[in-house]
Amino acid sequence: DDTTAELKRIWTDSRHRRRGHARVLMARLEADIAARGYTRIYPTTGDRQPEAAALYVSMGYTRLDEPLPAEGEVYPIAFLKVL
């Protein structure tokens, strides 16, 4: 819908992890998305990226229970945040 921004395939290179870069990037994306009039953010990650899932939850996103189709051997996990 026209009120939801979808985020896909965002990652931090392994050489730059554990430094807060992802949190800063997500905060900036949230601000830019809100400035464009969106009221919800819908990111997805894979079941093999528990760090990304933990980041989203720590930033106020809710994990959704909706089943998403597998992408190869990866099972996507969806999250939602209302701004």
PDB file of N, CA and C in Angstrom:
ATOM      1  N   ASP A   1       0.833  -1.188   0.000  1.00  0.00           N
ATOM      2  CA  ASP A   1       0.000   0.000   0.000  1.00  0.00           C
ATOM      3  C   ASP A   1       0.877   1.251   0.000  1.00  0.00           C
ATOM      4  N   ASP A   2       0.269   2.387  -0.158  1.00  0.00           N
ATOM      5  CA  ASP A   2       1.055   3.625  -0.291  1.00  0.00           C
ATOM      6  C   ASP A   2       1.448   4.250   1.052  1.00  0.00           C
ATOM      7  N   THR A   3       1.190   3.569   2.163  1.00  0.00           N
ATOM      8  CA  THR A   3       1.632   4.080   3.470  1.00  0.00           C
ATOM      9  C   THR A   3       2.780   3.264   4.056  1.00  0.00           C
ATOM     10  N   THR A   4       3.166   2.192   3.356  1.00  0.00           N
ATOM     11  CA  THR A   4       4.183   1.279   3.879  1.00  0.00           C
ATOM     12  C   THR A   4       5.432   1.282   3.007  1.00  0.00           C
ATOM     13  N   ALA A   5       6.576   1.508   3.633  1.00  0.00           N
ATOM     14  CA  ALA A   5       7.869   1.415   2.949  1.00  0.00           C
ATOM     15  C   ALA A   5       8.432   0.022   3.191  1.00  0.00           C
ATOM     16  N   GLU A   6       8.851  -0.641   2.127  1.00  0.00           N
ATOM     17  CA  GLU A   6       9.407  -1.990   2.239  1.00  0.00           C
ATOM     18  C   GLU A   6      10.925  -1.931   2.096  1.00  0.00           C
ATOM     19  N   LEU A   7      11.620  -2.565   3.029  1.00  0.00           N
ATOM     20  CA  LEU A   7      13.083  -2.619   2.995  1.00  0.00           C
ATOM     21  C   LEU A   7      13.510  -4.061   2.754  1.00  0.00           C
ATOM     22  N   LYS A   8      14.368  -4.261   1.749  1.00  0.00           N
ATOM     23  CA  LYS A   8      14.845  -5.608   1.430  1.00  0.00           C
ATOM     24  C   LYS A   8      16.336  -5.561   1.136  1.00  0.00           C
ATOM     25  N   ARG A   9      16.999  -6.651   1.479  1.00  0.00           N
ATOM     26  CA  ARG A   9      18.403  -6.877   1.136  1.00  0.00           C
ATOM     27  C   ARG A   9      19.324  -5.751   1.601  1.00  0.00           C
ATOM     28  N   ILE A  10      19.214  -5.429   2.866  1.00  0.00           N
ATOM     29  CA  ILE A  10      20.105  -4.450   3.493  1.00  0.00           C
ATOM     30  C   ILE A  10      21.037  -5.222   4.417  1.00  0.00           C
ATOM     31  N   TRP A  11      22.318  -4.963   4.326  1.00  0.00           N
ATOM     32  CA  TRP A  11      23.259  -5.639   5.222  1.00  0.00           C
ATOM     33  C   TRP A  11      24.481  -4.778   5.442  1.00  0.00           C
ATOM     34  N   THR A  12      25.217  -5.126   6.473  1.00  0.00           N
ATOM     35  CA  THR A  12      26.484  -4.480   6.791  1.00  0.00           C
ATOM     36  C   THR A  12      27.594  -5.466   6.463  1.00  0.00           C
ATOM     37  N   ASP A  13      28.587  -5.011   5.745  1.00  0.00           N
ATOM     38  CA  ASP A  13      29.727  -5.861   5.418  1.00  0.00           C
ATOM     39  C   ASP A  13      30.344  -6.392   6.710  1.00  0.00           C
ATOM     40  N   SER A  14      30.762  -7.635   6.680  1.00  0.00           N
ATOM     41  CA  SER A  14      31.276  -8.282   7.895  1.00  0.00           C
ATOM     42  C   SER A  14      32.453  -7.533   8.515  1.00  0.00           C
ATOM     43  N   ARG A  15      33.206  -6.796   7.726  1.00  0.00           N
ATOM     44  CA  ARG A  15      34.348  -6.037   8.269  1.00  0.00           C
ATOM     45  C   ARG A  15      33.908  -4.831   9.096  1.00  0.00           C
ATOM     46  N   HIS A  16      32.636  -4.461   8.982  1.00  0.00           N
ATOM     47  CA  HIS A  16      32.155  -3.253   9.656  1.00  0.00           C
ATOM     48  C   HIS A  16      31.043  -3.526  10.664  1.00  0.00           C
ATOM     49  N   ARG A  17      30.835  -4.773  11.002  1.00  0.00           N
ATOM     50  CA  ARG A  17      29.772  -5.123  11.950  1.00  0.00           C
ATOM     51  C   ARG A  17      30.202  -4.855  13.383  1.00  0.00           C
ATOM     52  N   ARG A  18      29.194  -4.783  14.263  1.00  0.00           N
ATOM     53  CA  ARG A  18      29.395  -4.597  15.710  1.00  0.00           C
ATOM     54  C   ARG A  18      29.966  -3.219  16.043  1.00  0.00           C
ATOM     55  N   ARG A  19      29.677  -2.240  15.194  1.00  0.00           N
ATOM     56  CA  ARG A  19      30.152  -0.869  15.431  1.00  0.00           C
ATOM     57  C   ARG A  19      29.004   0.139  15.470  1.00  0.00           C
ATOM     58  N   GLY A  20      27.774  -0.345  15.355  1.00  0.00           N
ATOM     59  CA  GLY A  20      26.619   0.543  15.402  1.00  0.00           C
ATOM     60  C   GLY A  20      26.221   1.137  14.062  1.00  0.00           C
ATOM     61  N   HIS A  21      26.903   0.750  12.984  1.00  0.00           N
ATOM     62  CA  HIS A  21      26.585   1.318  11.667  1.00  0.00           C
ATOM     63  C   HIS A  21      25.162   0.983  11.225  1.00  0.00           C
ATOM     64  N   ALA A  22      24.734  -0.243  11.445  1.00  0.00           N
ATOM     65  CA  ALA A  22      23.389  -0.647  11.022  1.00  0.00           C
ATOM     66  C   ALA A  22      22.321   0.144  11.769  1.00  0.00           C
ATOM     67  N   ARG A  23      22.532   0.358  13.050  1.00  0.00           N
ATOM     68  CA  ARG A  23      21.568   1.124  13.849  1.00  0.00           C
ATOM     69  C   ARG A  23      21.479   2.569  13.347  1.00  0.00           C
ATOM     70  N   VAL A  24      22.619   3.167  13.039  1.00  0.00           N
ATOM     71  CA  VAL A  24      22.639   4.542  12.517  1.00  0.00           C
ATOM     72  C   VAL A  24      21.939   4.591  11.160  1.00  0.00           C
ATOM     73  N   LEU A  25      22.250   3.631  10.297  1.00  0.00           N
ATOM     74  CA  LEU A  25      21.625   3.581   8.977  1.00  0.00           C
ATOM     75  C   LEU A  25      20.116   3.422   9.092  1.00  0.00           C
ATOM     76  N   MET A  26      19.662   2.506   9.945  1.00  0.00           N
ATOM     77  CA  MET A  26      18.224   2.290  10.103  1.00  0.00           C
ATOM     78  C   MET A  26      17.528   3.534  10.649  1.00  0.00           C
ATOM     79  N   ALA A  27      18.150   4.212  11.600  1.00  0.00           N
ATOM     80  CA  ALA A  27      17.554   5.439  12.146  1.00  0.00           C
ATOM     81  C   ALA A  27      17.418   6.493  11.051  1.00  0.00           C
ATOM     82  N   ARG A  28      18.428   6.604  10.201  1.00  0.00           N
ATOM     83  CA  ARG A  28      18.376   7.571   9.100  1.00  0.00           C
ATOM     84  C   ARG A  28      17.302   7.184   8.089  1.00  0.00           C
ATOM     85  N   LEU A  29      17.235   5.905   7.760  1.00  0.00           N
ATOM     86  CA  LEU A  29      16.191   5.440   6.848  1.00  0.00           C
ATOM     87  C   LEU A  29      14.805   5.711   7.416  1.00  0.00           C
ATOM     88  N   GLU A  30      14.618   5.444   8.699  1.00  0.00           N
ATOM     89  CA  GLU A  30      13.322   5.707   9.331  1.00  0.00           C
ATOM     90  C   GLU A  30      12.951   7.181   9.222  1.00  0.00           C
ATOM     91  N   ALA A  31      13.906   8.069   9.480  1.00  0.00           N
ATOM     92  CA  ALA A  31      13.639   9.508   9.394  1.00  0.00           C
ATOM     93  C   ALA A  31      13.295   9.909   7.961  1.00  0.00           C
ATOM     94  N   ASP A  32      14.047   9.410   6.999  1.00  0.00           N
ATOM     95  CA  ASP A  32      13.781   9.733   5.595  1.00  0.00           C
ATOM     96  C   ASP A  32      12.433   9.180   5.141  1.00  0.00           C
ATOM     97  N   ILE A  33      12.125   7.972   5.567  1.00  0.00           N
ATOM     98  CA  ILE A  33      10.851   7.350   5.210  1.00  0.00           C
ATOM     99  C   ILE A  33       9.686   8.148   5.797  1.00  0.00           C
ATOM    100  N   ALA A  34       9.795   8.542   7.059  1.00  0.00           N
ATOM    101  CA  ALA A  34       8.739   9.343   7.699  1.00  0.00           C
ATOM    102  C   ALA A  34       8.584  10.689   7.002  1.00  0.00           C
ATOM    103  N   ALA A  35       9.699  11.303   6.609  1.00  0.00           N
ATOM    104  CA  ALA A  35       9.652  12.604   5.932  1.00  0.00           C
ATOM    105  C   ALA A  35       8.940  12.507   4.583  1.00  0.00           C
ATOM    106  N   ARG A  36       8.925  11.336   4.003  1.00  0.00           N
ATOM    107  CA  ARG A  36       8.247  11.126   2.720  1.00  0.00           C
ATOM    108  C   ARG A  36       6.771  10.745   2.898  1.00  0.00           C
ATOM    109  N   GLY A  37       6.302  10.727   4.139  1.00  0.00           N
ATOM    110  CA  GLY A  37       4.891  10.508   4.400  1.00  0.00           C
ATOM    111  C   GLY A  37       4.464   9.076   4.670  1.00  0.00           C
ATOM    112  N   TYR A  38       5.413   8.157   4.684  1.00  0.00           N
ATOM    113  CA  TYR A  38       5.055   6.777   5.018  1.00  0.00           C
ATOM    114  C   TYR A  38       4.815   6.668   6.521  1.00  0.00           C
ATOM    115  N   THR A  39       3.928   5.776   6.906  1.00  0.00           N
ATOM    116  CA  THR A  39       3.612   5.613   8.325  1.00  0.00           C
ATOM    117  C   THR A  39       4.005   4.245   8.868  1.00  0.00           C
ATOM    118  N   ARG A  40       4.429   3.353   7.975  1.00  0.00           N
ATOM    119  CA  ARG A  40       4.827   2.009   8.402  1.00  0.00           C
ATOM    120  C   ARG A  40       6.074   1.581   7.625  1.00  0.00           C
ATOM    121  N   ILE A  41       6.913   0.773   8.286  1.00  0.00           N
ATOM    122  CA  ILE A  41       8.101   0.218   7.631  1.00  0.00           C
ATOM    123  C   ILE A  41       8.033  -1.298   7.743  1.00  0.00           C
ATOM    124  N   TYR A  42       8.268  -1.960   6.623  1.00  0.00           N
ATOM    125  CA  TYR A  42       8.156  -3.412   6.519  1.00  0.00           C
ATOM    126  C   TYR A  42       9.483  -3.971   5.995  1.00  0.00           C
ATOM    127  N   PRO A  43      10.421  -4.281   6.891  1.00  0.00           N
ATOM    128  CA  PRO A  43      11.660  -4.917   6.433  1.00  0.00           C
ATOM    129  C   PRO A  43      11.542  -6.439   6.493  1.00  0.00           C
ATOM    130  N   THR A  44      12.311  -7.092   5.660  1.00  0.00           N
ATOM    131  CA  THR A  44      12.418  -8.545   5.735  1.00  0.00           C
ATOM    132  C   THR A  44      13.891  -8.922   5.849  1.00  0.00           C
ATOM    133  N   THR A  45      14.128 -10.059   6.448  1.00  0.00           N
ATOM    134  CA  THR A  45      15.471 -10.622   6.532  1.00  0.00           C
ATOM    135  C   THR A  45      15.332 -12.130   6.408  1.00  0.00           C
ATOM    136  N   GLY A  46      16.431 -12.821   6.315  1.00  0.00           N
ATOM    137  CA  GLY A  46      16.375 -14.271   6.195  1.00  0.00           C
ATOM    138  C   GLY A  46      16.501 -14.959   7.537  1.00  0.00           C
ATOM    139  N   ASP A  47      16.078 -16.205   7.562  1.00  0.00           N
ATOM    140  CA  ASP A  47      16.155 -16.968   8.807  1.00  0.00           C
ATOM    141  C   ASP A  47      17.595 -17.266   9.212  1.00  0.00           C
ATOM    142  N   ARG A  48      18.533 -17.012   8.338  1.00  0.00           N
ATOM    143  CA  ARG A  48      19.950 -17.219   8.652  1.00  0.00           C
ATOM    144  C   ARG A  48      20.647 -15.931   9.094  1.00  0.00           C
ATOM    145  N   GLN A  49      19.891 -14.879   9.349  1.00  0.00           N
ATOM    146  CA  GLN A  49      20.445 -13.609   9.815  1.00  0.00           C
ATOM    147  C   GLN A  49      19.853 -13.222  11.172  1.00  0.00           C
ATOM    148  N   PRO A  50      20.145 -13.993  12.217  1.00  0.00           N
ATOM    149  CA  PRO A  50      19.569 -13.682  13.526  1.00  0.00           C
ATOM    150  C   PRO A  50      20.013 -12.321  14.052  1.00  0.00           C
ATOM    151  N   GLU A  51      21.178 -11.846  13.639  1.00  0.00           N
ATOM    152  CA  GLU A  51      21.635 -10.524  14.086  1.00  0.00           C
ATOM    153  C   GLU A  51      20.724  -9.431  13.547  1.00  0.00           C
ATOM    154  N   ALA A  52      20.308  -9.559  12.292  1.00  0.00           N
ATOM    155  CA  ALA A  52      19.400  -8.573  11.708  1.00  0.00           C
ATOM    156  C   ALA A  52      18.051  -8.608  12.415  1.00  0.00           C
ATOM    157  N   ALA A  53      17.549  -9.803  12.676  1.00  0.00           N
ATOM    158  CA  ALA A  53      16.275  -9.929  13.387  1.00  0.00           C
ATOM    159  C   ALA A  53      16.364  -9.285  14.764  1.00  0.00           C
ATOM    160  N   ALA A  54      17.465  -9.513  15.462  1.00  0.00           N
ATOM    161  CA  ALA A  54      17.647  -8.917  16.793  1.00  0.00           C
ATOM    162  C   ALA A  54      17.724  -7.399  16.704  1.00  0.00           C
ATOM    163  N   LEU A  55      18.383  -6.883  15.673  1.00  0.00           N
ATOM    164  CA  LEU A  55      18.465  -5.427  15.493  1.00  0.00           C
ATOM    165  C   LEU A  55      17.071  -4.841  15.311  1.00  0.00           C
ATOM    166  N   TYR A  56      16.275  -5.432  14.418  1.00  0.00           N
ATOM    167  CA  TYR A  56      14.933  -4.906  14.182  1.00  0.00           C
ATOM    168  C   TYR A  56      14.109  -4.900  15.467  1.00  0.00           C
ATOM    169  N   VAL A  57      14.133  -5.990  16.205  1.00  0.00           N
ATOM    170  CA  VAL A  57      13.368  -6.059  17.457  1.00  0.00           C
ATOM    171  C   VAL A  57      13.863  -5.000  18.437  1.00  0.00           C
ATOM    172  N   SER A  58      15.175  -4.823  18.540  1.00  0.00           N
ATOM    173  CA  SER A  58      15.724  -3.838  19.480  1.00  0.00           C
ATOM    174  C   SER A  58      15.369  -2.407  19.090  1.00  0.00           C
ATOM    175  N   MET A  59      15.009  -2.198  17.816  1.00  0.00           N
ATOM    176  CA  MET A  59      14.643  -0.861  17.346  1.00  0.00           C
ATOM    177  C   MET A  59      13.132  -0.659  17.287  1.00  0.00           C
ATOM    178  N   GLY A  60      12.379  -1.580  17.916  1.00  0.00           N
ATOM    179  CA  GLY A  60      10.940  -1.384  18.024  1.00  0.00           C
ATOM    180  C   GLY A  60      10.099  -2.035  16.945  1.00  0.00           C
ATOM    181  N   TYR A  61      10.694  -2.873  16.125  1.00  0.00           N
ATOM    182  CA  TYR A  61       9.945  -3.592  15.099  1.00  0.00           C
ATOM    183  C   TYR A  61       9.302  -4.833  15.718  1.00  0.00           C
ATOM    184  N   THR A  62       8.162  -5.215  15.184  1.00  0.00           N
ATOM    185  CA  THR A  62       7.457  -6.410  15.618  1.00  0.00           C
ATOM    186  C   THR A  62       7.625  -7.487  14.557  1.00  0.00           C
ATOM    187  N   ARG A  63       8.023  -8.663  14.992  1.00  0.00           N
ATOM    188  CA  ARG A  63       8.131  -9.781  14.049  1.00  0.00           C
ATOM    189  C   ARG A  63       6.729 -10.247  13.686  1.00  0.00           C
ATOM    190  N   LEU A  64       6.467 -10.388  12.397  1.00  0.00           N
ATOM    191  CA  LEU A  64       5.164 -10.826  11.923  1.00  0.00           C
ATOM    192  C   LEU A  64       5.158 -12.338  11.743  1.00  0.00           C
ATOM    193  N   ASP A  65       4.006 -12.936  11.975  1.00  0.00           N
ATOM    194  CA  ASP A  65       3.882 -14.385  11.867  1.00  0.00           C
ATOM    195  C   ASP A  65       3.470 -14.848  10.478  1.00  0.00           C
ATOM    196  N   GLU A  66       3.291 -13.897   9.559  1.00  0.00           N
ATOM    197  CA  GLU A  66       2.830 -14.287   8.232  1.00  0.00           C
ATOM    198  C   GLU A  66       3.879 -15.146   7.521  1.00  0.00           C
ATOM    199  N   PRO A  67       3.449 -16.235   6.913  1.00  0.00           N
ATOM    200  CA  PRO A  67       4.408 -17.070   6.186  1.00  0.00           C
ATOM    201  C   PRO A  67       4.790 -16.415   4.863  1.00  0.00           C
ATOM    202  N   LEU A  68       6.076 -16.397   4.578  1.00  0.00           N
ATOM    203  CA  LEU A  68       6.570 -15.862   3.316  1.00  0.00           C
ATOM    204  C   LEU A  68       7.185 -17.006   2.519  1.00  0.00           C
ATOM    205  N   PRO A  69       7.095 -16.949   1.195  1.00  0.00           N
ATOM    206  CA  PRO A  69       7.659 -18.036   0.394  1.00  0.00           C
ATOM    207  C   PRO A  69       9.181 -18.084   0.512  1.00  0.00           C
ATOM    208  N   ALA A  70       9.707 -19.289   0.483  1.00  0.00           N
ATOM    209  CA  ALA A  70      11.158 -19.474   0.563  1.00  0.00           C
ATOM    210  C   ALA A  70      11.819 -18.874  -0.670  1.00  0.00           C
ATOM    211  N   GLU A  71      13.017 -18.341  -0.455  1.00  0.00           N
ATOM    212  CA  GLU A  71      13.853 -17.839  -1.545  1.00  0.00           C
ATOM    213  C   GLU A  71      15.070 -18.752  -1.606  1.00  0.00           C
ATOM    214  N   GLY A  72      14.963 -19.815  -2.387  1.00  0.00           N
ATOM    215  CA  GLY A  72      16.014 -20.832  -2.385  1.00  0.00           C
ATOM    216  C   GLY A  72      15.945 -21.599  -1.080  1.00  0.00           C
ATOM    217  N   GLU A  73      17.041 -21.603  -0.348  1.00  0.00           N
ATOM    218  CA  GLU A  73      17.088 -22.291   0.946  1.00  0.00           C
ATOM    219  C   GLU A  73      16.887 -21.334   2.118  1.00  0.00           C
ATOM    220  N   VAL A  74      16.553 -20.091   1.816  1.00  0.00           N
ATOM    221  CA  VAL A  74      16.369 -19.071   2.851  1.00  0.00           C
ATOM    222  C   VAL A  74      14.878 -18.813   3.042  1.00  0.00           C
ATOM    223  N   TYR A  75      14.471 -18.739   4.299  1.00  0.00           N
ATOM    224  CA  TYR A  75      13.080 -18.439   4.616  1.00  0.00           C
ATOM    225  C   TYR A  75      12.996 -17.023   5.168  1.00  0.00           C
ATOM    226  N   PRO A  76      12.349 -16.113   4.431  1.00  0.00           N
ATOM    227  CA  PRO A  76      12.262 -14.726   4.879  1.00  0.00           C
ATOM    228  C   PRO A  76      11.422 -14.568   6.145  1.00  0.00           C
ATOM    229  N   ILE A  77      11.814 -13.597   6.934  1.00  0.00           N
ATOM    230  CA  ILE A  77      11.094 -13.221   8.148  1.00  0.00           C
ATOM    231  C   ILE A  77      10.726 -11.750   7.994  1.00  0.00           C
ATOM    232  N   ALA A  78       9.463 -11.429   8.221  1.00  0.00           N
ATOM    233  CA  ALA A  78       8.981 -10.059   8.064  1.00  0.00           C
ATOM    234  C   ALA A  78       8.823  -9.380   9.420  1.00  0.00           C
ATOM    235  N   PHE A  79       9.037  -8.068   9.404  1.00  0.00           N
ATOM    236  CA  PHE A  79       8.884  -7.229  10.589  1.00  0.00           C
ATOM    237  C   PHE A  79       8.052  -6.013  10.208  1.00  0.00           C
ATOM    238  N   LEU A  80       7.516  -5.332  11.207  1.00  0.00           N
ATOM    239  CA  LEU A  80       6.732  -4.127  10.957  1.00  0.00           C
ATOM    240  C   LEU A  80       6.976  -3.125  12.071  1.00  0.00           C
ATOM    241  N   LYS A  81       7.072  -1.867  11.676  1.00  0.00           N
ATOM    242  CA  LYS A  81       7.149  -0.782  12.654  1.00  0.00           C
ATOM    243  C   LYS A  81       6.216   0.321  12.197  1.00  0.00           C
ATOM    244  N   VAL A  82       5.359   0.765  13.103  1.00  0.00           N
ATOM    245  CA  VAL A  82       4.484   1.894  12.835  1.00  0.00           C
ATOM    246  C   VAL A  82       5.197   3.136  13.342  1.00  0.00           C
ATOM    247  N   LEU A  83       5.332   4.109  12.462  1.00  0.00           N
ATOM    248  CA  LEU A  83       6.052   5.338  12.826  1.00  0.00           C
ATOM    249  C   LEU A  83       5.153   6.304  13.574  1.00  0.00           C
TER     250      LEU A  83
END
